[in-house]
Amino acid sequence: MSLHNKNIGIALTGSFCTFDKAFEEIEKLLADNANVYPILSFNSQKIDSRFGKAADFYTRLKDMTGHEPITTIEDAEPIGPKNMFDILAVIPCTGNTLAKMANGITDTPVLMAAKAHIRNNKPLVLSIATNDALGLNLQNIGTLLNSKNIYFVPFGQDSPDGKPKSMIAHTHLLGLTLESALEGKQIQPVVLSPF
C-alpha cells in the first residue's frame, strides 16, 4: 500500500534523543507525498534540551509539513469528529505517554489526539522510546499490543548492558508499519534484536 495522499498525523512526545530519527521519517513521508499533520505534547513544545530548542523543533515541523502543529488539548479534540487522519503515529512515544494511554488518561494534546483518532476505528501506530519498557511499562505495552487498532513500530533493546530495561523503536520501519497498519496488520516481528 502506498502512503501517497494519505493524511497522517505525527505526534511527538518528549524523548528528545530520538527526535532526529523522527524528523528523518517525517521527511520520508513527505517525499512519498503524504500529507503530514504535526502534534506536540506539552513537554515537546516547551522543554529545551541538549538535543535542541523546543521553538526550533516547532518551526522545523511547521516549515516541513506546511501545517501549524497542534499544541493544545482543545485543538486535538476535533481530530475525531472531523475525521482528520487516515492514520496517526506517535513517534517517539515515551513511557509516560504509553502508561497514560494504557490507562485512558488524556491530559496532553498527543493523548487527546490518539483518543479522538481511534474513536473512528482507524489505526494508531506507536513508536516507543522508554527506559522502562522491560520494567513497569511492560504491562502497559502488553495492554496496548492487545488493543484494537493499535500497532507498534518494531522495537528492541538499545543498550542491554547499560540500560537493560530500555527499548526503542526501529524508527526506519515507520513507513512499513504505517502501510501494514492501514491494512489492519501488525508488522512482524514486533520485537527485534538489540541495536
N, C-alpha and C. Protein backbone atom coordinates (compact mmCIF):
# COMPACT_ATOMS: atom_id res chain seq x y z
N MET A 1 0.84 -1.19 0.00
CA MET A 1 0.00 0.00 0.00
C MET A 1 0.88 1.25 0.00
N SER A 2 0.51 2.23 -0.76
CA SER A 2 1.24 3.48 -0.83
C SER A 2 0.71 4.46 0.21
N LEU A 3 1.58 5.33 0.69
CA LEU A 3 1.17 6.38 1.62
C LEU A 3 0.89 7.69 0.88
N HIS A 4 0.94 7.63 -0.45
CA HIS A 4 0.67 8.79 -1.29
C HIS A 4 -0.72 9.35 -0.98
N ASN A 5 -0.78 10.65 -0.70
CA ASN A 5 -2.03 11.36 -0.41
C ASN A 5 -2.73 10.92 0.87
N LYS A 6 -2.11 10.08 1.67
CA LYS A 6 -2.71 9.72 2.96
C LYS A 6 -2.53 10.88 3.93
N ASN A 7 -3.54 11.11 4.75
CA ASN A 7 -3.47 12.13 5.80
C ASN A 7 -2.94 11.47 7.06
N ILE A 8 -1.74 11.84 7.43
CA ILE A 8 -1.04 11.17 8.52
C ILE A 8 -0.76 12.17 9.64
N GLY A 9 -1.29 11.88 10.82
CA GLY A 9 -0.95 12.66 12.00
C GLY A 9 0.35 12.13 12.57
N ILE A 10 1.27 13.01 12.88
CA ILE A 10 2.53 12.63 13.52
C ILE A 10 2.62 13.39 14.83
N ALA A 11 2.59 12.64 15.93
CA ALA A 11 2.62 13.23 17.27
C ALA A 11 3.96 12.97 17.93
N LEU A 12 4.58 14.01 18.44
CA LEU A 12 5.87 13.88 19.11
C LEU A 12 5.72 14.09 20.61
N THR A 13 6.31 13.17 21.38
CA THR A 13 6.39 13.33 22.83
C THR A 13 7.85 13.49 23.22
N GLY A 14 8.12 13.66 24.52
CA GLY A 14 9.40 14.18 24.96
C GLY A 14 10.61 13.29 25.04
N SER A 15 10.76 12.33 24.18
CA SER A 15 12.02 11.58 24.12
C SER A 15 12.94 12.28 23.12
N PHE A 16 13.55 13.36 23.58
CA PHE A 16 14.25 14.27 22.67
C PHE A 16 15.42 13.62 21.95
N CYS A 17 16.02 12.61 22.55
CA CYS A 17 17.18 11.96 21.92
C CYS A 17 16.80 11.23 20.63
N THR A 18 15.50 11.00 20.41
CA THR A 18 15.06 10.30 19.20
C THR A 18 14.45 11.25 18.16
N PHE A 19 14.48 12.55 18.43
CA PHE A 19 13.85 13.49 17.51
C PHE A 19 14.49 13.50 16.13
N ASP A 20 15.81 13.37 16.06
CA ASP A 20 16.47 13.36 14.75
C ASP A 20 15.92 12.25 13.87
N LYS A 21 15.74 11.07 14.46
CA LYS A 21 15.20 9.94 13.69
C LYS A 21 13.75 10.19 13.31
N ALA A 22 13.00 10.80 14.21
CA ALA A 22 11.60 11.11 13.90
C ALA A 22 11.51 12.07 12.71
N PHE A 23 12.36 13.09 12.71
CA PHE A 23 12.35 14.04 11.60
C PHE A 23 12.76 13.39 10.29
N GLU A 24 13.69 12.45 10.34
CA GLU A 24 14.07 11.72 9.13
C GLU A 24 12.87 10.98 8.55
N GLU A 25 12.07 10.37 9.43
CA GLU A 25 10.90 9.62 8.96
C GLU A 25 9.83 10.55 8.41
N ILE A 26 9.67 11.71 9.02
CA ILE A 26 8.72 12.69 8.51
C ILE A 26 9.13 13.11 7.10
N GLU A 27 10.41 13.33 6.90
CA GLU A 27 10.90 13.70 5.56
C GLU A 27 10.59 12.61 4.54
N LYS A 28 10.74 11.35 4.94
CA LYS A 28 10.42 10.23 4.03
C LYS A 28 8.93 10.23 3.67
N LEU A 29 8.08 10.48 4.67
CA LEU A 29 6.64 10.51 4.41
C LEU A 29 6.29 11.64 3.44
N LEU A 30 6.90 12.78 3.64
CA LEU A 30 6.65 13.91 2.74
C LEU A 30 7.18 13.62 1.34
N ALA A 31 8.30 12.92 1.24
CA ALA A 31 8.84 12.53 -0.07
C ALA A 31 7.90 11.57 -0.79
N ASP A 32 7.13 10.79 -0.01
CA ASP A 32 6.13 9.89 -0.58
C ASP A 32 4.82 10.61 -0.88
N ASN A 33 4.82 11.93 -0.74
CA ASN A 33 3.63 12.76 -0.98
C ASN A 33 2.49 12.47 -0.03
N ALA A 34 2.83 12.10 1.22
CA ALA A 34 1.81 12.00 2.26
C ALA A 34 1.56 13.40 2.81
N ASN A 35 0.37 13.62 3.32
CA ASN A 35 0.02 14.87 3.98
C ASN A 35 0.25 14.68 5.47
N VAL A 36 1.23 15.38 6.02
CA VAL A 36 1.63 15.17 7.42
C VAL A 36 1.16 16.34 8.27
N TYR A 37 0.51 16.00 9.38
CA TYR A 37 -0.02 16.99 10.32
C TYR A 37 0.62 16.78 11.68
N PRO A 38 1.46 17.72 12.14
CA PRO A 38 2.18 17.53 13.40
C PRO A 38 1.35 17.86 14.64
N ILE A 39 1.63 17.12 15.70
CA ILE A 39 1.01 17.32 17.01
C ILE A 39 2.14 17.25 18.04
N LEU A 40 2.14 18.15 19.00
CA LEU A 40 3.20 18.18 20.01
C LEU A 40 2.63 18.04 21.41
N SER A 41 3.27 17.18 22.21
CA SER A 41 2.92 17.10 23.62
C SER A 41 3.35 18.39 24.29
N PHE A 42 2.85 18.62 25.51
CA PHE A 42 3.26 19.83 26.23
C PHE A 42 4.77 19.86 26.41
N ASN A 43 5.38 18.74 26.80
CA ASN A 43 6.83 18.72 27.02
C ASN A 43 7.61 18.97 25.74
N SER A 44 7.18 18.36 24.65
CA SER A 44 7.95 18.50 23.41
C SER A 44 7.86 19.91 22.83
N GLN A 45 6.84 20.66 23.21
CA GLN A 45 6.72 22.03 22.70
C GLN A 45 7.31 23.08 23.64
N LYS A 46 7.73 22.66 24.85
CA LYS A 46 8.19 23.66 25.82
C LYS A 46 9.59 23.43 26.37
N ILE A 47 10.08 22.19 26.37
CA ILE A 47 11.35 21.89 27.02
C ILE A 47 12.51 22.01 26.03
N ASP A 48 13.47 22.84 26.40
CA ASP A 48 14.74 22.89 25.66
C ASP A 48 15.67 21.86 26.28
N SER A 49 16.39 21.13 25.46
CA SER A 49 17.29 20.10 25.97
C SER A 49 18.61 20.16 25.21
N ARG A 50 19.52 19.30 25.56
CA ARG A 50 20.81 19.28 24.85
C ARG A 50 20.63 18.83 23.40
N PHE A 51 19.45 18.32 23.07
CA PHE A 51 19.19 17.86 21.70
C PHE A 51 18.57 18.95 20.83
N GLY A 52 18.25 20.10 21.43
CA GLY A 52 17.71 21.19 20.65
C GLY A 52 16.69 22.01 21.41
N LYS A 53 16.30 23.13 20.81
CA LYS A 53 15.33 24.02 21.43
C LYS A 53 13.93 23.70 20.93
N ALA A 54 12.98 23.76 21.85
CA ALA A 54 11.59 23.44 21.52
C ALA A 54 11.07 24.33 20.39
N ALA A 55 11.38 25.60 20.43
CA ALA A 55 10.91 26.53 19.40
C ALA A 55 11.45 26.16 18.03
N ASP A 56 12.68 25.67 17.99
CA ASP A 56 13.27 25.25 16.71
C ASP A 56 12.58 24.02 16.15
N PHE A 57 12.24 23.06 17.03
CA PHE A 57 11.51 21.88 16.58
C PHE A 57 10.14 22.26 16.03
N TYR A 58 9.47 23.17 16.73
CA TYR A 58 8.15 23.64 16.30
C TYR A 58 8.24 24.26 14.90
N THR A 59 9.20 25.17 14.73
CA THR A 59 9.35 25.86 13.45
C THR A 59 9.72 24.87 12.34
N ARG A 60 10.59 23.94 12.66
CA ARG A 60 11.01 22.95 11.65
C ARG A 60 9.81 22.11 11.20
N LEU A 61 8.98 21.68 12.14
CA LEU A 61 7.80 20.91 11.79
C LEU A 61 6.84 21.71 10.92
N LYS A 62 6.61 22.94 11.30
CA LYS A 62 5.71 23.81 10.54
C LYS A 62 6.22 24.02 9.12
N ASP A 63 7.53 24.29 9.00
CA ASP A 63 8.11 24.55 7.68
C ASP A 63 8.11 23.29 6.81
N MET A 64 8.41 22.15 7.41
CA MET A 64 8.46 20.89 6.66
C MET A 64 7.10 20.49 6.12
N THR A 65 6.10 20.55 7.01
CA THR A 65 4.78 19.98 6.68
C THR A 65 3.82 20.99 6.06
N GLY A 66 4.09 22.27 6.30
CA GLY A 66 3.15 23.29 5.83
C GLY A 66 1.93 23.42 6.71
N HIS A 67 1.97 22.78 7.88
CA HIS A 67 0.85 22.83 8.82
C HIS A 67 1.32 23.29 10.19
N GLU A 68 0.53 24.15 10.80
CA GLU A 68 0.80 24.59 12.17
C GLU A 68 0.62 23.40 13.11
N PRO A 69 1.61 23.09 13.93
CA PRO A 69 1.44 21.96 14.86
C PRO A 69 0.28 22.17 15.84
N ILE A 70 -0.41 21.10 16.14
CA ILE A 70 -1.46 21.11 17.16
C ILE A 70 -0.76 21.06 18.52
N THR A 71 -1.09 22.02 19.39
CA THR A 71 -0.36 22.14 20.65
C THR A 71 -1.26 22.19 21.88
N THR A 72 -2.58 22.08 21.70
CA THR A 72 -3.48 22.12 22.85
C THR A 72 -4.44 20.94 22.81
N ILE A 73 -4.97 20.61 23.96
CA ILE A 73 -5.98 19.56 24.05
C ILE A 73 -7.22 19.98 23.27
N GLU A 74 -7.58 21.25 23.39
CA GLU A 74 -8.77 21.75 22.69
C GLU A 74 -8.65 21.61 21.18
N ASP A 75 -7.45 21.86 20.64
CA ASP A 75 -7.26 21.75 19.19
C ASP A 75 -7.12 20.31 18.73
N ALA A 76 -6.77 19.41 19.64
CA ALA A 76 -6.65 17.99 19.28
C ALA A 76 -8.00 17.28 19.29
N GLU A 77 -8.92 17.74 20.10
CA GLU A 77 -10.21 17.05 20.24
C GLU A 77 -10.98 16.91 18.93
N PRO A 78 -11.01 17.92 18.04
CA PRO A 78 -11.77 17.79 16.79
C PRO A 78 -11.21 16.77 15.80
N ILE A 79 -10.03 16.21 16.06
CA ILE A 79 -9.45 15.22 15.16
C ILE A 79 -10.43 14.08 14.91
N GLY A 80 -11.13 13.67 15.94
CA GLY A 80 -12.11 12.59 15.80
C GLY A 80 -13.35 13.01 15.03
N PRO A 81 -14.08 14.02 15.53
CA PRO A 81 -15.31 14.44 14.83
C PRO A 81 -15.08 14.87 13.39
N LYS A 82 -13.91 15.47 13.10
CA LYS A 82 -13.62 15.92 11.73
C LYS A 82 -12.99 14.81 10.89
N ASN A 83 -12.72 13.66 11.52
CA ASN A 83 -12.15 12.52 10.79
C ASN A 83 -10.92 12.95 10.00
N MET A 84 -9.99 13.60 10.70
CA MET A 84 -8.88 14.30 10.03
C MET A 84 -7.83 13.40 9.40
N PHE A 85 -7.56 12.24 10.02
CA PHE A 85 -6.42 11.44 9.57
C PHE A 85 -6.83 10.05 9.11
N ASP A 86 -6.07 9.53 8.16
CA ASP A 86 -6.20 8.11 7.80
C ASP A 86 -5.51 7.25 8.85
N ILE A 87 -4.42 7.79 9.42
CA ILE A 87 -3.63 7.07 10.41
C ILE A 87 -2.89 8.11 11.26
N LEU A 88 -2.63 7.74 12.50
CA LEU A 88 -1.90 8.61 13.42
C LEU A 88 -0.75 7.82 14.02
N ALA A 89 0.44 8.43 14.07
CA ALA A 89 1.61 7.79 14.67
C ALA A 89 2.17 8.67 15.77
N VAL A 90 2.50 8.05 16.89
CA VAL A 90 3.18 8.74 17.99
C VAL A 90 4.64 8.32 17.92
N ILE A 91 5.49 9.28 17.51
CA ILE A 91 6.91 8.99 17.29
C ILE A 91 7.74 10.18 17.73
N PRO A 92 8.46 10.10 18.81
CA PRO A 92 8.56 8.97 19.72
C PRO A 92 7.39 8.93 20.70
N CYS A 93 7.15 7.74 21.24
CA CYS A 93 6.12 7.55 22.26
C CYS A 93 6.82 7.18 23.56
N THR A 94 6.83 8.09 24.50
CA THR A 94 7.54 7.87 25.76
C THR A 94 6.80 6.88 26.65
N GLY A 95 7.51 6.40 27.66
CA GLY A 95 6.89 5.53 28.65
C GLY A 95 5.75 6.21 29.38
N ASN A 96 5.89 7.51 29.63
CA ASN A 96 4.83 8.27 30.29
C ASN A 96 3.56 8.28 29.43
N THR A 97 3.73 8.52 28.14
CA THR A 97 2.58 8.53 27.22
C THR A 97 1.97 7.13 27.11
N LEU A 98 2.83 6.10 27.02
CA LEU A 98 2.34 4.71 26.99
C LEU A 98 1.48 4.40 28.20
N ALA A 99 1.98 4.75 29.38
CA ALA A 99 1.27 4.45 30.63
C ALA A 99 -0.08 5.15 30.69
N LYS A 100 -0.09 6.40 30.29
CA LYS A 100 -1.36 7.14 30.31
C LYS A 100 -2.33 6.59 29.28
N MET A 101 -1.84 6.27 28.10
CA MET A 101 -2.70 5.74 27.06
C MET A 101 -3.32 4.41 27.48
N ALA A 102 -2.51 3.55 28.09
CA ALA A 102 -3.00 2.24 28.52
C ALA A 102 -4.05 2.36 29.62
N ASN A 103 -4.06 3.51 30.29
CA ASN A 103 -5.00 3.71 31.40
C ASN A 103 -6.05 4.77 31.11
N GLY A 104 -6.21 5.12 29.84
CA GLY A 104 -7.29 6.00 29.42
C GLY A 104 -7.16 7.45 29.86
N ILE A 105 -5.94 7.92 30.08
CA ILE A 105 -5.72 9.31 30.50
C ILE A 105 -5.46 10.16 29.27
N THR A 106 -6.13 11.32 29.21
CA THR A 106 -5.99 12.19 28.03
C THR A 106 -5.67 13.62 28.47
N ASP A 107 -4.52 13.81 29.10
CA ASP A 107 -4.19 15.12 29.64
C ASP A 107 -3.10 15.85 28.86
N THR A 108 -2.84 15.44 27.63
CA THR A 108 -1.91 16.17 26.75
C THR A 108 -2.52 16.21 25.35
N PRO A 109 -2.03 17.11 24.49
CA PRO A 109 -2.54 17.14 23.11
C PRO A 109 -2.35 15.81 22.38
N VAL A 110 -1.23 15.13 22.63
CA VAL A 110 -0.97 13.86 21.94
C VAL A 110 -1.97 12.79 22.39
N LEU A 111 -2.21 12.71 23.69
CA LEU A 111 -3.15 11.70 24.19
C LEU A 111 -4.57 11.99 23.72
N MET A 112 -4.96 13.26 23.69
CA MET A 112 -6.29 13.60 23.17
C MET A 112 -6.37 13.29 21.69
N ALA A 113 -5.30 13.57 20.94
CA ALA A 113 -5.29 13.25 19.51
C ALA A 113 -5.48 11.76 19.30
N ALA A 114 -4.77 10.95 20.09
CA ALA A 114 -4.88 9.49 19.96
C ALA A 114 -6.29 9.02 20.27
N LYS A 115 -6.85 9.53 21.36
CA LYS A 115 -8.22 9.14 21.74
C LYS A 115 -9.22 9.57 20.68
N ALA A 116 -9.10 10.80 20.21
CA ALA A 116 -10.03 11.32 19.21
C ALA A 116 -9.94 10.54 17.91
N HIS A 117 -8.71 10.19 17.52
CA HIS A 117 -8.49 9.47 16.25
C HIS A 117 -9.03 8.04 16.32
N ILE A 118 -8.72 7.35 17.39
CA ILE A 118 -9.03 5.93 17.47
C ILE A 118 -10.54 5.67 17.63
N ARG A 119 -11.27 6.68 18.01
CA ARG A 119 -12.73 6.51 18.12
C ARG A 119 -13.37 6.23 16.76
N ASN A 120 -12.63 6.58 15.69
CA ASN A 120 -13.12 6.34 14.34
C ASN A 120 -12.71 4.97 13.80
N ASN A 121 -12.19 4.09 14.69
CA ASN A 121 -11.74 2.75 14.29
C ASN A 121 -10.66 2.81 13.22
N LYS A 122 -9.77 3.77 13.37
CA LYS A 122 -8.65 3.91 12.45
C LYS A 122 -7.36 3.58 13.19
N PRO A 123 -6.32 3.21 12.45
CA PRO A 123 -5.10 2.73 13.11
C PRO A 123 -4.27 3.83 13.79
N LEU A 124 -3.75 3.44 14.95
CA LEU A 124 -2.84 4.26 15.74
C LEU A 124 -1.53 3.49 15.86
N VAL A 125 -0.43 4.12 15.46
CA VAL A 125 0.88 3.48 15.48
C VAL A 125 1.74 4.11 16.58
N LEU A 126 2.38 3.26 17.38
CA LEU A 126 3.23 3.73 18.46
C LEU A 126 4.68 3.35 18.17
N SER A 127 5.56 4.32 18.29
CA SER A 127 7.00 4.13 18.08
C SER A 127 7.68 4.43 19.41
N ILE A 128 7.85 3.39 20.22
CA ILE A 128 8.22 3.60 21.61
C ILE A 128 9.68 4.02 21.80
N ALA A 129 9.89 4.74 22.89
CA ALA A 129 11.23 5.11 23.36
C ALA A 129 11.10 5.27 24.87
N THR A 130 11.42 4.20 25.60
CA THR A 130 11.24 4.24 27.05
C THR A 130 12.32 3.45 27.77
N ASN A 131 12.83 4.04 28.85
CA ASN A 131 13.86 3.39 29.65
C ASN A 131 13.32 2.26 30.52
N ASP A 132 11.99 2.14 30.61
CA ASP A 132 11.43 1.08 31.46
C ASP A 132 10.47 0.16 30.71
N ALA A 133 10.77 -0.07 29.44
CA ALA A 133 9.93 -0.98 28.63
C ALA A 133 9.88 -2.38 29.23
N LEU A 134 10.98 -2.82 29.80
CA LEU A 134 11.04 -4.15 30.41
C LEU A 134 10.90 -4.06 31.92
N GLY A 135 10.39 -2.93 32.39
CA GLY A 135 10.10 -2.71 33.80
C GLY A 135 8.62 -2.48 33.97
N LEU A 136 8.27 -1.39 34.64
CA LEU A 136 6.87 -1.10 34.92
C LEU A 136 6.03 -0.91 33.66
N ASN A 137 6.66 -0.45 32.58
CA ASN A 137 5.88 -0.21 31.36
C ASN A 137 5.61 -1.46 30.53
N LEU A 138 6.19 -2.59 30.91
CA LEU A 138 5.94 -3.82 30.16
C LEU A 138 4.45 -4.17 30.18
N GLN A 139 3.82 -3.97 31.32
CA GLN A 139 2.38 -4.23 31.42
C GLN A 139 1.58 -3.32 30.48
N ASN A 140 1.99 -2.06 30.40
CA ASN A 140 1.29 -1.12 29.52
C ASN A 140 1.49 -1.46 28.05
N ILE A 141 2.70 -1.89 27.70
CA ILE A 141 2.96 -2.32 26.32
C ILE A 141 2.07 -3.51 25.99
N GLY A 142 1.99 -4.47 26.92
CA GLY A 142 1.14 -5.64 26.70
C GLY A 142 -0.31 -5.26 26.52
N THR A 143 -0.78 -4.34 27.33
CA THR A 143 -2.18 -3.87 27.21
C THR A 143 -2.42 -3.27 25.84
N LEU A 144 -1.51 -2.42 25.39
CA LEU A 144 -1.70 -1.75 24.11
C LEU A 144 -1.50 -2.68 22.92
N LEU A 145 -0.60 -3.65 23.05
CA LEU A 145 -0.43 -4.65 21.99
C LEU A 145 -1.72 -5.44 21.76
N ASN A 146 -2.50 -5.58 22.82
CA ASN A 146 -3.74 -6.34 22.74
C ASN A 146 -4.97 -5.46 22.55
N SER A 147 -4.76 -4.21 22.20
CA SER A 147 -5.87 -3.28 21.99
C SER A 147 -6.18 -3.14 20.51
N LYS A 148 -7.45 -3.07 20.21
CA LYS A 148 -7.89 -2.94 18.82
C LYS A 148 -7.37 -1.65 18.19
N ASN A 149 -6.91 -1.75 16.97
CA ASN A 149 -6.47 -0.62 16.15
C ASN A 149 -5.17 0.04 16.61
N ILE A 150 -4.43 -0.60 17.52
CA ILE A 150 -3.14 -0.06 17.94
C ILE A 150 -2.04 -0.98 17.43
N TYR A 151 -1.05 -0.37 16.80
CA TYR A 151 0.06 -1.10 16.17
C TYR A 151 1.38 -0.50 16.65
N PHE A 152 2.42 -1.31 16.65
CA PHE A 152 3.73 -0.88 17.11
C PHE A 152 4.76 -0.93 16.00
N VAL A 153 5.60 0.11 15.94
CA VAL A 153 6.81 0.03 15.14
C VAL A 153 7.70 -0.98 15.87
N PRO A 154 8.25 -1.98 15.18
CA PRO A 154 9.10 -2.96 15.87
C PRO A 154 10.18 -2.28 16.71
N PHE A 155 10.43 -2.87 17.88
CA PHE A 155 11.35 -2.25 18.82
C PHE A 155 12.31 -3.27 19.41
N GLY A 156 13.39 -2.78 20.00
CA GLY A 156 14.39 -3.65 20.62
C GLY A 156 15.16 -2.91 21.69
N GLN A 157 15.95 -3.66 22.43
CA GLN A 157 16.78 -3.04 23.47
C GLN A 157 17.86 -2.19 22.81
N ASP A 158 18.03 -0.98 23.30
CA ASP A 158 19.02 -0.09 22.72
C ASP A 158 20.34 -0.11 23.47
N SER A 159 20.34 -0.61 24.70
CA SER A 159 21.59 -0.69 25.48
C SER A 159 21.44 -1.79 26.54
N PRO A 160 21.46 -3.06 26.12
CA PRO A 160 21.18 -4.16 27.05
C PRO A 160 22.09 -4.18 28.27
N ASP A 161 23.33 -3.77 28.12
CA ASP A 161 24.25 -3.78 29.26
C ASP A 161 24.10 -2.53 30.12
N GLY A 162 24.02 -1.39 29.48
CA GLY A 162 23.94 -0.13 30.23
C GLY A 162 22.57 0.19 30.77
N LYS A 163 21.52 -0.12 29.97
CA LYS A 163 20.13 0.16 30.37
C LYS A 163 19.28 -1.07 30.02
N PRO A 164 19.36 -2.12 30.82
CA PRO A 164 18.74 -3.39 30.44
C PRO A 164 17.22 -3.38 30.31
N LYS A 165 16.56 -2.37 30.85
CA LYS A 165 15.09 -2.30 30.73
C LYS A 165 14.63 -1.37 29.61
N SER A 166 15.57 -0.73 28.95
CA SER A 166 15.26 0.27 27.93
C SER A 166 15.03 -0.37 26.56
N MET A 167 14.02 0.13 25.84
CA MET A 167 13.76 -0.30 24.47
C MET A 167 13.33 0.91 23.65
N ILE A 168 13.75 0.92 22.39
CA ILE A 168 13.29 1.95 21.47
C ILE A 168 12.91 1.30 20.14
N ALA A 169 12.06 2.00 19.42
CA ALA A 169 11.59 1.51 18.12
C ALA A 169 12.69 1.62 17.07
N HIS A 170 12.63 0.73 16.11
CA HIS A 170 13.46 0.81 14.91
C HIS A 170 12.72 1.77 13.96
N THR A 171 12.95 3.06 14.19
CA THR A 171 12.14 4.07 13.52
C THR A 171 12.20 4.01 12.00
N HIS A 172 13.26 3.45 11.45
CA HIS A 172 13.34 3.34 9.98
C HIS A 172 12.23 2.44 9.42
N LEU A 173 11.54 1.71 10.30
CA LEU A 173 10.43 0.84 9.87
C LEU A 173 9.07 1.53 9.97
N LEU A 174 9.07 2.83 10.25
CA LEU A 174 7.79 3.54 10.40
C LEU A 174 6.93 3.41 9.15
N GLY A 175 7.49 3.70 7.99
CA GLY A 175 6.68 3.65 6.76
C GLY A 175 6.04 2.29 6.53
N LEU A 176 6.83 1.23 6.69
CA LEU A 176 6.28 -0.13 6.53
C LEU A 176 5.22 -0.43 7.57
N THR A 177 5.43 0.05 8.80
CA THR A 177 4.45 -0.16 9.86
C THR A 177 3.14 0.56 9.53
N LEU A 178 3.25 1.78 9.04
CA LEU A 178 2.05 2.54 8.66
C LEU A 178 1.28 1.82 7.55
N GLU A 179 2.00 1.36 6.54
CA GLU A 179 1.34 0.65 5.44
C GLU A 179 0.63 -0.60 5.93
N SER A 180 1.30 -1.37 6.78
CA SER A 180 0.70 -2.60 7.32
C SER A 180 -0.51 -2.28 8.18
N ALA A 181 -0.37 -1.25 9.03
CA ALA A 181 -1.47 -0.88 9.92
C ALA A 181 -2.70 -0.44 9.13
N LEU A 182 -2.49 0.25 8.02
CA LEU A 182 -3.62 0.66 7.18
C LEU A 182 -4.34 -0.54 6.59
N GLU A 183 -3.65 -1.68 6.52
CA GLU A 183 -4.27 -2.93 6.05
C GLU A 183 -4.74 -3.79 7.22
N GLY A 184 -4.65 -3.25 8.44
CA GLY A 184 -5.11 -3.97 9.62
C GLY A 184 -4.15 -5.03 10.11
N LYS A 185 -2.86 -4.90 9.77
CA LYS A 185 -1.88 -5.91 10.16
C LYS A 185 -0.75 -5.29 10.98
N GLN A 186 -0.30 -6.04 12.00
CA GLN A 186 0.87 -5.66 12.76
C GLN A 186 2.10 -6.20 12.05
N ILE A 187 3.03 -5.32 11.71
CA ILE A 187 4.27 -5.76 11.08
C ILE A 187 5.01 -6.69 12.05
N GLN A 188 5.60 -7.73 11.53
CA GLN A 188 6.29 -8.73 12.35
C GLN A 188 7.74 -8.87 11.91
N PRO A 189 8.62 -9.27 12.84
CA PRO A 189 8.38 -9.45 14.26
C PRO A 189 8.27 -8.10 14.97
N VAL A 190 7.56 -8.08 16.09
CA VAL A 190 7.39 -6.84 16.84
C VAL A 190 8.65 -6.52 17.63
N VAL A 191 9.27 -7.55 18.20
CA VAL A 191 10.50 -7.36 18.98
C VAL A 191 11.67 -7.83 18.15
N LEU A 192 12.63 -6.93 17.95
CA LEU A 192 13.81 -7.23 17.14
C LEU A 192 15.04 -7.29 18.01
N SER A 193 16.13 -7.72 17.44
CA SER A 193 17.40 -7.83 18.14
C SER A 193 17.83 -6.45 18.66
N PRO A 194 18.70 -6.44 19.67
CA PRO A 194 19.21 -5.16 20.15
C PRO A 194 19.91 -4.38 19.04
N PHE A 195 20.00 -3.09 19.22
CA PHE A 195 20.63 -2.21 18.25
C PHE A 195 22.12 -2.45 18.21
